[in-house]
Structures are given as structure tokens and as C-alpha cells.
Protein backbone atom coordinates (compact mmCIF):
# COMPACT_ATOMS: atom_id res chain seq x y z
CA UNK A 1 76.05 96.70 74.33
CA UNK A 2 77.24 93.30 73.12
CA UNK A 3 78.16 92.24 76.65
CA UNK A 4 74.70 93.25 77.83
CA UNK A 5 73.00 91.21 75.09
CA UNK A 6 75.24 88.26 75.92
CA UNK A 7 74.19 88.49 79.57
CA UNK A 8 70.52 88.46 78.63
CA UNK A 9 70.95 85.32 76.49
CA UNK A 10 72.98 83.68 79.25
CA UNK A 11 70.36 84.44 81.89
CA UNK A 12 67.45 83.38 79.65
CA UNK A 13 69.13 80.05 78.85
CA UNK A 14 69.88 79.37 82.52
CA UNK A 15 66.28 80.20 83.51
CA UNK A 16 64.98 77.86 80.77
CA UNK A 17 67.01 74.90 82.05
CA UNK A 18 66.23 75.68 85.69
CA UNK A 19 69.71 76.78 86.82
CA UNK A 20 68.37 80.20 87.85
CA UNK A 21 65.25 80.21 90.00
CA UNK A 22 63.50 82.69 92.28
CA UNK A 23 65.35 81.11 95.22
CA UNK A 24 68.79 80.62 93.58
CA UNK A 25 70.22 83.54 91.60
CA UNK A 26 73.94 82.71 91.97
CA UNK A 27 74.48 82.32 88.21
CA UNK A 28 72.97 85.69 87.18
CA UNK A 29 75.55 87.76 85.30
CA UNK A 30 75.45 91.55 85.43
CA UNK A 31 76.67 93.34 82.27
CA UNK A 32 78.79 95.71 84.37
CA UNK A 33 80.64 92.68 85.76
CA UNK A 34 81.42 91.51 82.24
CA UNK A 35 82.66 95.00 81.28
CA UNK A 36 84.88 95.22 84.37
CA UNK A 37 86.34 91.76 83.70
CA UNK A 38 87.12 92.73 80.10
CA UNK A 39 88.80 95.97 81.24
CA UNK A 40 90.88 94.05 83.79
CA UNK A 41 91.96 91.50 81.17
CA UNK A 42 92.90 94.19 78.62
CA UNK A 43 94.95 96.05 81.24
CA UNK A 44 96.74 92.83 82.18
CA UNK A 45 97.47 91.94 78.54
CA UNK A 46 98.76 95.46 77.82
CA UNK A 47 101.16 95.21 80.77
CA UNK A 48 102.30 91.75 79.65
CA UNK A 49 103.05 93.14 76.17
CA UNK A 50 105.07 96.01 77.66
CA UNK A 51 107.00 93.56 79.84
CA UNK A 52 107.78 91.30 76.87
CA UNK A 53 109.00 94.28 74.82
CA UNK A 54 111.28 95.40 77.66
CA UNK A 55 112.69 91.88 78.07
CA UNK A 56 113.47 91.70 74.34
CA UNK A 57 111.15 88.74 73.75
CA UNK A 58 109.18 90.68 71.11
CA UNK A 59 111.54 91.55 68.28
CA UNK A 60 109.15 93.42 65.96
CA UNK A 61 105.64 94.75 65.56
CA UNK A 62 104.10 94.48 62.07
CA UNK A 63 100.91 96.06 60.67
CA UNK A 64 98.95 93.27 58.95
CA UNK A 65 96.76 95.54 56.80
CA UNK A 66 93.50 94.82 58.57
CA UNK A 67 91.46 97.85 59.62
CA UNK A 68 88.23 97.60 61.66
CA UNK A 69 85.63 100.22 62.43
CA UNK A 70 84.10 100.18 65.92
CA UNK A 71 81.06 102.06 67.17
CA UNK A 72 81.75 103.95 70.43
CA UNK A 73 80.11 106.54 72.65
CA UNK A 74 82.37 109.57 73.24
CA UNK A 75 81.93 111.89 76.20
CA UNK A 76 82.64 115.59 75.65
CA UNK A 77 85.19 117.29 77.94
CA UNK A 78 83.68 119.40 80.70
CA UNK A 79 80.19 118.11 79.85
CA UNK A 80 77.91 115.17 80.54
CA UNK A 81 76.85 114.93 76.89
CA UNK A 82 77.66 111.77 74.99
CA UNK A 83 77.99 111.40 71.24
CA UNK A 84 77.99 108.26 69.09
CA UNK A 85 81.03 107.93 66.87
CA UNK A 86 83.02 105.41 64.88
CA UNK A 87 86.71 104.80 65.50
CA UNK A 88 89.13 103.06 63.17
CA UNK A 89 91.40 100.41 64.67
CA UNK A 90 94.45 98.92 62.96
CA UNK A 91 95.66 95.39 63.66
CA UNK A 92 99.29 94.63 64.48
CA UNK A 93 101.26 91.39 64.79
CA UNK A 94 104.06 90.75 67.26
CA UNK A 95 107.18 88.82 66.21
CA UNK A 96 108.76 86.71 68.93
């Protein structure tokens, strides 16, 4: 949802300054593109972390005490129904 709102602000600002016109829509950003780019980046960073752990570059992982709550939409198994939920995420630090 945040990515979608960000796209709308981006597009509105570009239309206001004339960068996006009826003839030139090269700078229009689709929210699904933003989501896919974020997923690709997260996957890449996860793999980089695994590689660093295997190489011995990361010597420890420490919980810093910060806990965030994040709103998500969960999809039920064997069903198309979706349910809003809140997940709790803990933050960790890597020692190098």
C-alpha cells in the first residue's frame, strides 16, 4: 500500500512539472514494479548475508531489543480468502 501511495505522489509531481504528458509517459511508475524491485533487492540482500556468514565475515548476530509491528494481508491455505493481520518483527545486528 505504501509503494502504491508513493507511486501516486511521484506521478502527480511529475505531471505537475510537465515531465509526464499525454504524449510522453516514460516516467510513469507502476506500483507492481516497485513491489517487484523491492522483492528482488530483499532476495539479493538475504543471499549476500548467507554468503557472508559462510565466509566467516559475520562473526555474530545480536538482537538489539527493537520490535516492530507490521500490518500484512495473509492468504488462507487452499482458499482465495485474505485476512488482515499484524506480524511482529524483531531487529538484529550483524557483527563483522
